[in-house]
PDB file of N, CA and C in Angstrom:
ATOM      1  N   MET A   1      33.964 -15.923  -8.590  1.00  0.00           N
ATOM      2  CA  MET A   1      33.265 -17.191  -8.496  1.00  0.00           C
ATOM      3  C   MET A   1      31.769 -16.923  -8.402  1.00  0.00           C
ATOM      4  N   THR A   2      31.016 -17.772  -9.047  1.00  0.00           N
ATOM      5  CA  THR A   2      29.558 -17.705  -8.999  1.00  0.00           C
ATOM      6  C   THR A   2      29.044 -18.926  -8.239  1.00  0.00           C
ATOM      7  N   ILE A   3      28.070 -18.702  -7.361  1.00  0.00           N
ATOM      8  CA  ILE A   3      27.447 -19.795  -6.610  1.00  0.00           C
ATOM      9  C   ILE A   3      25.977 -19.850  -6.998  1.00  0.00           C
ATOM     10  N   ASN A   4      25.577 -20.976  -7.569  1.00  0.00           N
ATOM     11  CA  ASN A   4      24.168 -21.194  -7.905  1.00  0.00           C
ATOM     12  C   ASN A   4      23.584 -22.126  -6.855  1.00  0.00           C
ATOM     13  N   LYS A   5      22.522 -21.663  -6.210  1.00  0.00           N
ATOM     14  CA  LYS A   5      21.947 -22.367  -5.063  1.00  0.00           C
ATOM     15  C   LYS A   5      20.590 -22.949  -5.437  1.00  0.00           C
ATOM     16  N   GLN A   6      20.397 -24.218  -5.053  1.00  0.00           N
ATOM     17  CA  GLN A   6      19.103 -24.872  -5.279  1.00  0.00           C
ATOM     18  C   GLN A   6      18.763 -25.661  -4.025  1.00  0.00           C
ATOM     19  N   GLN A   7      17.625 -25.336  -3.415  1.00  0.00           N
ATOM     20  CA  GLN A   7      17.215 -26.047  -2.209  1.00  0.00           C
ATOM     21  C   GLN A   7      15.933 -26.809  -2.475  1.00  0.00           C
ATOM     22  N   ASN A   8      15.935 -28.069  -2.026  1.00  0.00           N
ATOM     23  CA  ASN A   8      14.775 -28.925  -2.161  1.00  0.00           C
ATOM     24  C   ASN A   8      14.519 -29.525  -0.790  1.00  0.00           C
ATOM     25  N   GLY A   9      13.671 -28.891   0.001  1.00  0.00           N
ATOM     26  CA  GLY A   9      13.425 -29.349   1.365  1.00  0.00           C
ATOM     27  C   GLY A   9      14.691 -29.206   2.194  1.00  0.00           C
ATOM     28  N   ALA A  10      15.156 -30.318   2.771  1.00  0.00           N
ATOM     29  CA  ALA A  10      16.354 -30.299   3.606  1.00  0.00           C
ATOM     30  C   ALA A  10      17.618 -30.611   2.810  1.00  0.00           C
ATOM     31  N   ALA A  11      17.493 -30.665   1.477  1.00  0.00           N
ATOM     32  CA  ALA A  11      18.650 -30.927   0.615  1.00  0.00           C
ATOM     33  C   ALA A  11      19.059 -29.633  -0.088  1.00  0.00           C
ATOM     34  N   LEU A  12      20.340 -29.300   0.008  1.00  0.00           N
ATOM     35  CA  LEU A  12      20.860 -28.081  -0.604  1.00  0.00           C
ATOM     36  C   LEU A  12      21.949 -28.451  -1.603  1.00  0.00           C
ATOM     37  N   THR A  13      21.852 -27.898  -2.804  1.00  0.00           N
ATOM     38  CA  THR A  13      22.887 -28.072  -3.822  1.00  0.00           C
ATOM     39  C   THR A  13      23.468 -26.706  -4.145  1.00  0.00           C
ATOM     40  N   LEU A  14      24.793 -26.618  -4.070  1.00  0.00           N
ATOM     41  CA  LEU A  14      25.502 -25.413  -4.467  1.00  0.00           C
ATOM     42  C   LEU A  14      26.390 -25.769  -5.647  1.00  0.00           C
ATOM     43  N   ALA A  15      26.165 -25.105  -6.766  1.00  0.00           N
ATOM     44  CA  ALA A  15      26.994 -25.309  -7.955  1.00  0.00           C
ATOM     45  C   ALA A  15      27.966 -24.136  -8.044  1.00  0.00           C
ATOM     46  N   LEU A  16      29.258 -24.445  -7.999  1.00  0.00           N
ATOM     47  CA  LEU A  16      30.287 -23.407  -8.017  1.00  0.00           C
ATOM     48  C   LEU A  16      30.856 -23.269  -9.418  1.00  0.00           C
ATOM     49  N   GLU A  17      31.104 -22.029  -9.803  1.00  0.00           N
ATOM     50  CA  GLU A  17      31.653 -21.754 -11.126  1.00  0.00           C
ATOM     51  C   GLU A  17      32.809 -20.772 -10.980  1.00  0.00           C
ATOM     52  N   GLY A  18      33.965 -21.137 -11.540  1.00  0.00           N
ATOM     53  CA  GLY A  18      35.129 -20.252 -11.469  1.00  0.00           C
ATOM     54  C   GLY A  18      36.234 -20.843 -10.612  1.00  0.00           C
ATOM     55  N   ARG A  19      36.821 -19.990  -9.756  1.00  0.00           N
ATOM     56  CA  ARG A  19      37.944 -20.405  -8.909  1.00  0.00           C
ATOM     57  C   ARG A  19      37.577 -20.270  -7.437  1.00  0.00           C
ATOM     58  N   LEU A  20      37.885 -21.297  -6.663  1.00  0.00           N
ATOM     59  CA  LEU A  20      37.694 -21.257  -5.212  1.00  0.00           C
ATOM     60  C   LEU A  20      39.071 -21.089  -4.598  1.00  0.00           C
ATOM     61  N   ASP A  21      39.402 -19.839  -4.265  1.00  0.00           N
ATOM     62  CA  ASP A  21      40.748 -19.528  -3.778  1.00  0.00           C
ATOM     63  C   ASP A  21      40.662 -18.536  -2.626  1.00  0.00           C
ATOM     64  N   THR A  22      41.781 -17.935  -2.275  1.00  0.00           N
ATOM     65  CA  THR A  22      41.843 -17.003  -1.149  1.00  0.00           C
ATOM     66  C   THR A  22      40.851 -15.861  -1.295  1.00  0.00           C
ATOM     67  N   THR A  23      40.650 -15.407  -2.506  1.00  0.00           N
ATOM     68  CA  THR A  23      39.746 -14.285  -2.760  1.00  0.00           C
ATOM     69  C   THR A  23      38.282 -14.681  -2.638  1.00  0.00           C
ATOM     70  N   THR A  24      37.937 -15.881  -3.099  1.00  0.00           N
ATOM     71  CA  THR A  24      36.526 -16.274  -3.169  1.00  0.00           C
ATOM     72  C   THR A  24      36.072 -17.211  -2.045  1.00  0.00           C
ATOM     73  N   ALA A  25      37.011 -17.795  -1.307  1.00  0.00           N
ATOM     74  CA  ALA A  25      36.637 -18.715  -0.212  1.00  0.00           C
ATOM     75  C   ALA A  25      35.713 -18.045   0.812  1.00  0.00           C
ATOM     76  N   PRO A  26      35.955 -16.783   1.189  1.00  0.00           N
ATOM     77  CA  PRO A  26      35.021 -16.144   2.133  1.00  0.00           C
ATOM     78  C   PRO A  26      33.588 -16.051   1.602  1.00  0.00           C
ATOM     79  N   GLN A  27      33.440 -15.932   0.291  1.00  0.00           N
ATOM     80  CA  GLN A  27      32.108 -15.888  -0.325  1.00  0.00           C
ATOM     81  C   GLN A  27      31.387 -17.216  -0.104  1.00  0.00           C
ATOM     82  N   LEU A  28      32.072 -18.340  -0.326  1.00  0.00           N
ATOM     83  CA  LEU A  28      31.460 -19.653  -0.101  1.00  0.00           C
ATOM     84  C   LEU A  28      31.192 -19.867   1.382  1.00  0.00           C
ATOM     85  N   GLU A  29      32.129 -19.456   2.209  1.00  0.00           N
ATOM     86  CA  GLU A  29      31.968 -19.609   3.655  1.00  0.00           C
ATOM     87  C   GLU A  29      30.720 -18.858   4.141  1.00  0.00           C
ATOM     88  N   ALA A  30      30.516 -17.641   3.645  1.00  0.00           N
ATOM     89  CA  ALA A  30      29.346 -16.844   4.023  1.00  0.00           C
ATOM     90  C   ALA A  30      28.059 -17.492   3.520  1.00  0.00           C
ATOM     91  N   GLU A  31      28.094 -18.015   2.297  1.00  0.00           N
ATOM     92  CA  GLU A  31      26.910 -18.677   1.735  1.00  0.00           C
ATOM     93  C   GLU A  31      26.545 -19.912   2.558  1.00  0.00           C
ATOM     94  N   LEU A  32      27.535 -20.698   2.928  1.00  0.00           N
ATOM     95  CA  LEU A  32      27.278 -21.894   3.732  1.00  0.00           C
ATOM     96  C   LEU A  32      26.737 -21.514   5.106  1.00  0.00           C
ATOM     97  N   LYS A  33      27.323 -20.520   5.710  1.00  0.00           N
ATOM     98  CA  LYS A  33      26.877 -20.089   7.040  1.00  0.00           C
ATOM     99  C   LYS A  33      25.414 -19.648   6.995  1.00  0.00           C
ATOM    100  N   ALA A  34      25.038 -18.943   5.938  1.00  0.00           N
ATOM    101  CA  ALA A  34      23.670 -18.440   5.798  1.00  0.00           C
ATOM    102  C   ALA A  34      22.681 -19.532   5.397  1.00  0.00           C
ATOM    103  N   SER A  35      23.170 -20.604   4.767  1.00  0.00           N
ATOM    104  CA  SER A  35      22.261 -21.576   4.148  1.00  0.00           C
ATOM    105  C   SER A  35      22.137 -22.919   4.852  1.00  0.00           C
ATOM    106  N   LEU A  36      23.055 -23.276   5.738  1.00  0.00           N
ATOM    107  CA  LEU A  36      23.069 -24.642   6.276  1.00  0.00           C
ATOM    108  C   LEU A  36      22.075 -24.909   7.405  1.00  0.00           C
ATOM    109  N   ASN A  37      21.445 -23.873   7.911  1.00  0.00           N
ATOM    110  CA  ASN A  37      20.479 -24.069   8.981  1.00  0.00           C
ATOM    111  C   ASN A  37      19.314 -24.926   8.486  1.00  0.00           C
ATOM    112  N   GLY A  38      19.095 -26.078   9.101  1.00  0.00           N
ATOM    113  CA  GLY A  38      18.009 -26.965   8.714  1.00  0.00           C
ATOM    114  C   GLY A  38      18.322 -27.878   7.541  1.00  0.00           C
ATOM    115  N   VAL A  39      19.525 -27.754   6.985  1.00  0.00           N
ATOM    116  CA  VAL A  39      19.923 -28.596   5.854  1.00  0.00           C
ATOM    117  C   VAL A  39      20.468 -29.923   6.379  1.00  0.00           C
ATOM    118  N   GLU A  40      19.967 -31.016   5.823  1.00  0.00           N
ATOM    119  CA  GLU A  40      20.428 -32.353   6.212  1.00  0.00           C
ATOM    120  C   GLU A  40      21.406 -32.942   5.207  1.00  0.00           C
ATOM    121  N   SER A  41      21.297 -32.511   3.952  1.00  0.00           N
ATOM    122  CA  SER A  41      22.128 -33.057   2.879  1.00  0.00           C
ATOM    123  C   SER A  41      22.677 -31.903   2.037  1.00  0.00           C
ATOM    124  N   LEU A  42      24.006 -31.885   1.857  1.00  0.00           N
ATOM    125  CA  LEU A  42      24.658 -30.830   1.082  1.00  0.00           C
ATOM    126  C   LEU A  42      25.388 -31.459  -0.099  1.00  0.00           C
ATOM    127  N   ILE A  43      25.095 -30.955  -1.291  1.00  0.00           N
ATOM    128  CA  ILE A  43      25.786 -31.402  -2.496  1.00  0.00           C
ATOM    129  C   ILE A  43      26.498 -30.194  -3.096  1.00  0.00           C
ATOM    130  N   LEU A  44      27.780 -30.353  -3.353  1.00  0.00           N
ATOM    131  CA  LEU A  44      28.564 -29.314  -4.007  1.00  0.00           C
ATOM    132  C   LEU A  44      28.880 -29.798  -5.413  1.00  0.00           C
ATOM    133  N   ASP A  45      28.349 -29.103  -6.400  1.00  0.00           N
ATOM    134  CA  ASP A  45      28.575 -29.459  -7.803  1.00  0.00           C
ATOM    135  C   ASP A  45      29.752 -28.642  -8.321  1.00  0.00           C
ATOM    136  N   PHE A  46      30.835 -29.345  -8.654  1.00  0.00           N
ATOM    137  CA  PHE A  46      32.069 -28.693  -9.097  1.00  0.00           C
ATOM    138  C   PHE A  46      32.276 -28.807 -10.601  1.00  0.00           C
ATOM    139  N   SER A  47      31.207 -29.092 -11.366  1.00  0.00           N
ATOM    140  CA  SER A  47      31.370 -29.289 -12.811  1.00  0.00           C
ATOM    141  C   SER A  47      31.933 -28.054 -13.507  1.00  0.00           C
ATOM    142  N   LYS A  48      31.728 -26.867 -12.952  1.00  0.00           N
ATOM    143  CA  LYS A  48      32.244 -25.645 -13.575  1.00  0.00           C
ATOM    144  C   LYS A  48      33.296 -24.961 -12.700  1.00  0.00           C
ATOM    145  N   LEU A  49      33.822 -25.698 -11.702  1.00  0.00           N
ATOM    146  CA  LEU A  49      34.885 -25.158 -10.853  1.00  0.00           C
ATOM    147  C   LEU A  49      36.226 -25.448 -11.511  1.00  0.00           C
ATOM    148  N   ASP A  50      36.998 -24.387 -11.763  1.00  0.00           N
ATOM    149  CA  ASP A  50      38.259 -24.524 -12.485  1.00  0.00           C
ATOM    150  C   ASP A  50      39.439 -24.848 -11.575  1.00  0.00           C
ATOM    151  N   TYR A  51      39.390 -24.383 -10.330  1.00  0.00           N
ATOM    152  CA  TYR A  51      40.573 -24.447  -9.468  1.00  0.00           C
ATOM    153  C   TYR A  51      40.141 -24.361  -8.016  1.00  0.00           C
ATOM    154  N   ILE A  52      40.903 -25.014  -7.122  1.00  0.00           N
ATOM    155  CA  ILE A  52      40.663 -24.891  -5.686  1.00  0.00           C
ATOM    156  C   ILE A  52      42.004 -24.738  -4.982  1.00  0.00           C
ATOM    157  N   SER A  53      42.074 -23.813  -4.034  1.00  0.00           N
ATOM    158  CA  SER A  53      43.310 -23.590  -3.276  1.00  0.00           C
ATOM    159  C   SER A  53      43.136 -24.101  -1.849  1.00  0.00           C
ATOM    160  N   SER A  54      44.169 -23.939  -1.044  1.00  0.00           N
ATOM    161  CA  SER A  54      44.101 -24.377   0.352  1.00  0.00           C
ATOM    162  C   SER A  54      43.014 -23.615   1.115  1.00  0.00           C
ATOM    163  N   ALA A  55      42.767 -22.372   0.754  1.00  0.00           N
ATOM    164  CA  ALA A  55      41.695 -21.609   1.400  1.00  0.00           C
ATOM    165  C   ALA A  55      40.342 -22.250   1.105  1.00  0.00           C
ATOM    166  N   GLY A  56      40.156 -22.717  -0.114  1.00  0.00           N
ATOM    167  CA  GLY A  56      38.927 -23.409  -0.480  1.00  0.00           C
ATOM    168  C   GLY A  56      38.793 -24.738   0.245  1.00  0.00           C
ATOM    169  N   LEU A  57      39.918 -25.448   0.386  1.00  0.00           N
ATOM    170  CA  LEU A  57      39.907 -26.722   1.109  1.00  0.00           C
ATOM    171  C   LEU A  57      39.492 -26.520   2.561  1.00  0.00           C
ATOM    172  N   ARG A  58      39.954 -25.438   3.169  1.00  0.00           N
ATOM    173  CA  ARG A  58      39.608 -25.144   4.563  1.00  0.00           C
ATOM    174  C   ARG A  58      38.090 -24.968   4.708  1.00  0.00           C
ATOM    175  N   VAL A  59      37.473 -24.265   3.765  1.00  0.00           N
ATOM    176  CA  VAL A  59      36.017 -24.060   3.805  1.00  0.00           C
ATOM    177  C   VAL A  59      35.286 -25.393   3.632  1.00  0.00           C
ATOM    178  N   LEU A  60      35.796 -26.241   2.731  1.00  0.00           N
ATOM    179  CA  LEU A  60      35.172 -27.557   2.527  1.00  0.00           C
ATOM    180  C   LEU A  60      35.266 -28.413   3.779  1.00  0.00           C
ATOM    181  N   LEU A  61      36.416 -28.381   4.446  1.00  0.00           N
ATOM    182  CA  LEU A  61      36.591 -29.173   5.665  1.00  0.00           C
ATOM    183  C   LEU A  61      35.631 -28.697   6.753  1.00  0.00           C
ATOM    184  N   SER A  62      35.480 -27.402   6.876  1.00  0.00           N
ATOM    185  CA  SER A  62      34.552 -26.839   7.852  1.00  0.00           C
ATOM    186  C   SER A  62      33.115 -27.278   7.557  1.00  0.00           C
ATOM    187  N   ALA A  63      32.718 -27.213   6.286  1.00  0.00           N
ATOM    188  CA  ALA A  63      31.362 -27.641   5.897  1.00  0.00           C
ATOM    189  C   ALA A  63      31.175 -29.135   6.149  1.00  0.00           C
ATOM    190  N   HIS A  64      32.219 -29.913   5.856  1.00  0.00           N
ATOM    191  CA  HIS A  64      32.175 -31.360   6.089  1.00  0.00           C
ATOM    192  C   HIS A  64      31.913 -31.644   7.572  1.00  0.00           C
ATOM    193  N   LYS A  65      32.592 -30.916   8.445  1.00  0.00           N
ATOM    194  CA  LYS A  65      32.403 -31.105   9.891  1.00  0.00           C
ATOM    195  C   LYS A  65      30.995 -30.712  10.315  1.00  0.00           C
ATOM    196  N   GLN A  66      30.470 -29.629   9.732  1.00  0.00           N
ATOM    197  CA  GLN A  66      29.115 -29.184  10.062  1.00  0.00           C
ATOM    198  C   GLN A  66      28.072 -30.216   9.637  1.00  0.00           C
ATOM    199  N   MET A  67      28.331 -30.906   8.536  1.00  0.00           N
ATOM    200  CA  MET A  67      27.359 -31.863   8.007  1.00  0.00           C
ATOM    201  C   MET A  67      27.513 -33.251   8.622  1.00  0.00           C
ATOM    202  N   ALA A  68      28.553 -33.472   9.397  1.00  0.00           N
ATOM    203  CA  ALA A  68      28.738 -34.767  10.073  1.00  0.00           C
ATOM    204  C   ALA A  68      27.561 -34.986  11.026  1.00  0.00           C
ATOM    205  N   GLY A  69      27.055 -36.197  11.070  1.00  0.00           N
ATOM    206  CA  GLY A  69      25.913 -36.495  11.922  1.00  0.00           C
ATOM    207  C   GLY A  69      24.579 -36.256  11.222  1.00  0.00           C
ATOM    208  N   LYS A  70      24.644 -35.679  10.042  1.00  0.00           N
ATOM    209  CA  LYS A  70      23.444 -35.502   9.222  1.00  0.00           C
ATOM    210  C   LYS A  70      23.602 -36.454   8.034  1.00  0.00           C
ATOM    211  N   SER A  71      22.883 -36.201   6.969  1.00  0.00           N
ATOM    212  CA  SER A  71      23.017 -37.052   5.780  1.00  0.00           C
ATOM    213  C   SER A  71      24.347 -36.835   5.073  1.00  0.00           C
ATOM    214  N   GLY A  72      25.040 -35.748   5.431  1.00  0.00           N
ATOM    215  CA  GLY A  72      26.391 -35.551   4.941  1.00  0.00           C
ATOM    216  C   GLY A  72      26.522 -34.589   3.775  1.00  0.00           C
ATOM    217  N   MET A  73      27.757 -34.525   3.285  1.00  0.00           N
ATOM    218  CA  MET A  73      28.123 -33.631   2.202  1.00  0.00           C
ATOM    219  C   MET A  73      28.766 -34.459   1.097  1.00  0.00           C
ATOM    220  N   LYS A  74      28.377 -34.171  -0.136  1.00  0.00           N
ATOM    221  CA  LYS A  74      28.952 -34.867  -1.285  1.00  0.00           C
ATOM    222  C   LYS A  74      29.469 -33.843  -2.278  1.00  0.00           C
ATOM    223  N   ILE A  75      30.579 -34.184  -2.908  1.00  0.00           N
ATOM    224  CA  ILE A  75      31.129 -33.362  -3.971  1.00  0.00           C
ATOM    225  C   ILE A  75      30.949 -34.123  -5.265  1.00  0.00           C
ATOM    226  N   ARG A  76      30.408 -33.442  -6.251  1.00  0.00           N
ATOM    227  CA  ARG A  76      30.149 -34.085  -7.542  1.00  0.00           C
ATOM    228  C   ARG A  76      30.859 -33.341  -8.669  1.00  0.00           C
ATOM    229  N   ASN A  77      31.221 -34.099  -9.694  1.00  0.00           N
ATOM    230  CA  ASN A  77      31.718 -33.562 -10.962  1.00  0.00           C
ATOM    231  C   ASN A  77      33.012 -32.758 -10.862  1.00  0.00           C
ATOM    232  N   ALA A  78      33.917 -33.161  -9.982  1.00  0.00           N
ATOM    233  CA  ALA A  78      35.206 -32.461  -9.892  1.00  0.00           C
ATOM    234  C   ALA A  78      36.043 -32.777 -11.132  1.00  0.00           C
ATOM    235  N   ASN A  79      36.660 -31.747 -11.719  1.00  0.00           N
ATOM    236  CA  ASN A  79      37.506 -31.978 -12.891  1.00  0.00           C
ATOM    237  C   ASN A  79      38.863 -32.559 -12.467  1.00  0.00           C
ATOM    238  N   GLU A  80      39.706 -32.854 -13.436  1.00  0.00           N
ATOM    239  CA  GLU A  80      41.008 -33.473 -13.159  1.00  0.00           C
ATOM    240  C   GLU A  80      41.875 -32.646 -12.227  1.00  0.00           C
ATOM    241  N   ILE A  81      41.906 -31.330 -12.442  1.00  0.00           N
ATOM    242  CA  ILE A  81      42.758 -30.446 -11.637  1.00  0.00           C
ATOM    243  C   ILE A  81      42.306 -30.444 -10.188  1.00  0.00           C
ATOM    244  N   VAL A  82      41.011 -30.279  -9.970  1.00  0.00           N
ATOM    245  CA  VAL A  82      40.465 -30.255  -8.613  1.00  0.00           C
ATOM    246  C   VAL A  82      40.626 -31.626  -7.962  1.00  0.00           C
ATOM    247  N   GLN A  83      40.360 -32.697  -8.703  1.00  0.00           N
ATOM    248  CA  GLN A  83      40.508 -34.047  -8.164  1.00  0.00           C
ATOM    249  C   GLN A  83      41.954 -34.313  -7.756  1.00  0.00           C
ATOM    250  N   GLU A  84      42.907 -33.820  -8.533  1.00  0.00           N
ATOM    251  CA  GLU A  84      44.321 -34.006  -8.197  1.00  0.00           C
ATOM    252  C   GLU A  84      44.663 -33.308  -6.881  1.00  0.00           C
ATOM    253  N   VAL A  85      44.105 -32.117  -6.662  1.00  0.00           N
ATOM    254  CA  VAL A  85      44.321 -31.411  -5.392  1.00  0.00           C
ATOM    255  C   VAL A  85      43.763 -32.252  -4.244  1.00  0.00           C
ATOM    256  N   PHE A  86      42.571 -32.825  -4.426  1.00  0.00           N
ATOM    257  CA  PHE A  86      41.983 -33.684  -3.392  1.00  0.00           C
ATOM    258  C   PHE A  86      42.877 -34.901  -3.123  1.00  0.00           C
ATOM    259  N   ASP A  87      43.408 -35.502  -4.177  1.00  0.00           N
ATOM    260  CA  ASP A  87      44.252 -36.690  -4.034  1.00  0.00           C
ATOM    261  C   ASP A  87      45.565 -36.366  -3.318  1.00  0.00           C
ATOM    262  N   VAL A  88      46.237 -35.302  -3.750  1.00  0.00           N
ATOM    263  CA  VAL A  88      47.547 -34.938  -3.196  1.00  0.00           C
ATOM    264  C   VAL A  88      47.447 -34.530  -1.726  1.00  0.00           C
ATOM    265  N   THR A  89      46.362 -33.834  -1.370  1.00  0.00           N
ATOM    266  CA  THR A  89      46.219 -33.339   0.003  1.00  0.00           C
ATOM    267  C   THR A  89      45.610 -34.364   0.956  1.00  0.00           C
ATOM    268  N   GLY A  90      45.110 -35.474   0.421  1.00  0.00           N
ATOM    269  CA  GLY A  90      44.468 -36.473   1.267  1.00  0.00           C
ATOM    270  C   GLY A  90      42.985 -36.206   1.482  1.00  0.00           C
ATOM    271  N   PHE A  91      42.460 -35.122   0.916  1.00  0.00           N
ATOM    272  CA  PHE A  91      41.046 -34.821   1.050  1.00  0.00           C
ATOM    273  C   PHE A  91      40.171 -35.870   0.376  1.00  0.00           C
ATOM    274  N   ALA A  92      40.712 -36.569  -0.604  1.00  0.00           N
ATOM    275  CA  ALA A  92      39.951 -37.630  -1.273  1.00  0.00           C
ATOM    276  C   ALA A  92      39.589 -38.736  -0.298  1.00  0.00           C
ATOM    277  N   ASP A  93      40.382 -38.889   0.769  1.00  0.00           N
ATOM    278  CA  ASP A  93      40.107 -39.904   1.780  1.00  0.00           C
ATOM    279  C   ASP A  93      39.108 -39.422   2.832  1.00  0.00           C
ATOM    280  N   ILE A  94      38.940 -38.108   2.938  1.00  0.00           N
ATOM    281  CA  ILE A  94      38.086 -37.518   3.962  1.00  0.00           C
ATOM    282  C   ILE A  94      36.687 -37.224   3.421  1.00  0.00           C
ATOM    283  N   LEU A  95      36.641 -36.635   2.231  1.00  0.00           N
ATOM    284  CA  LEU A  95      35.378 -36.185   1.642  1.00  0.00           C
ATOM    285  C   LEU A  95      34.731 -37.282   0.792  1.00  0.00           C
ATOM    286  N   THR A  96      33.427 -37.184   0.621  1.00  0.00           N
ATOM    287  CA  THR A  96      32.706 -38.079  -0.276  1.00  0.00           C
ATOM    288  C   THR A  96      32.669 -37.418  -1.641  1.00  0.00           C
ATOM    289  N   ILE A  97      33.410 -37.992  -2.591  1.00  0.00           N
ATOM    290  CA  ILE A  97      33.519 -37.425  -3.928  1.00  0.00           C
ATOM    291  C   ILE A  97      32.931 -38.388  -4.936  1.00  0.00           C
ATOM    292  N   GLU A  98      31.972 -37.908  -5.699  1.00  0.00           N
ATOM    293  CA  GLU A  98      31.304 -38.762  -6.693  1.00  0.00           C
ATOM    294  C   GLU A  98      31.656 -38.309  -8.086  1.00  0.00           C
TER     295      GLU A  98
END
């Protein structure tokens, strides 16, 4: 998985490319841990994300909790496969997906 990072003041955008699964979830978790200090708004661009597993969902839930009380976290451009995972697991009701 590739993570492209763009920060604009207190707004952080991470564009993920590839698969977010057991192997790559720790990579995203480490990136978020290193990058969220002082961030008020987090956008995750999933336009090039092919797949997400339960390990990836766990990292998203953790980031969602960290961003609560701030401007929040948004997920953008999820494909059909990723959106279906969000729908089936109930994450579509928890996360802000655009």
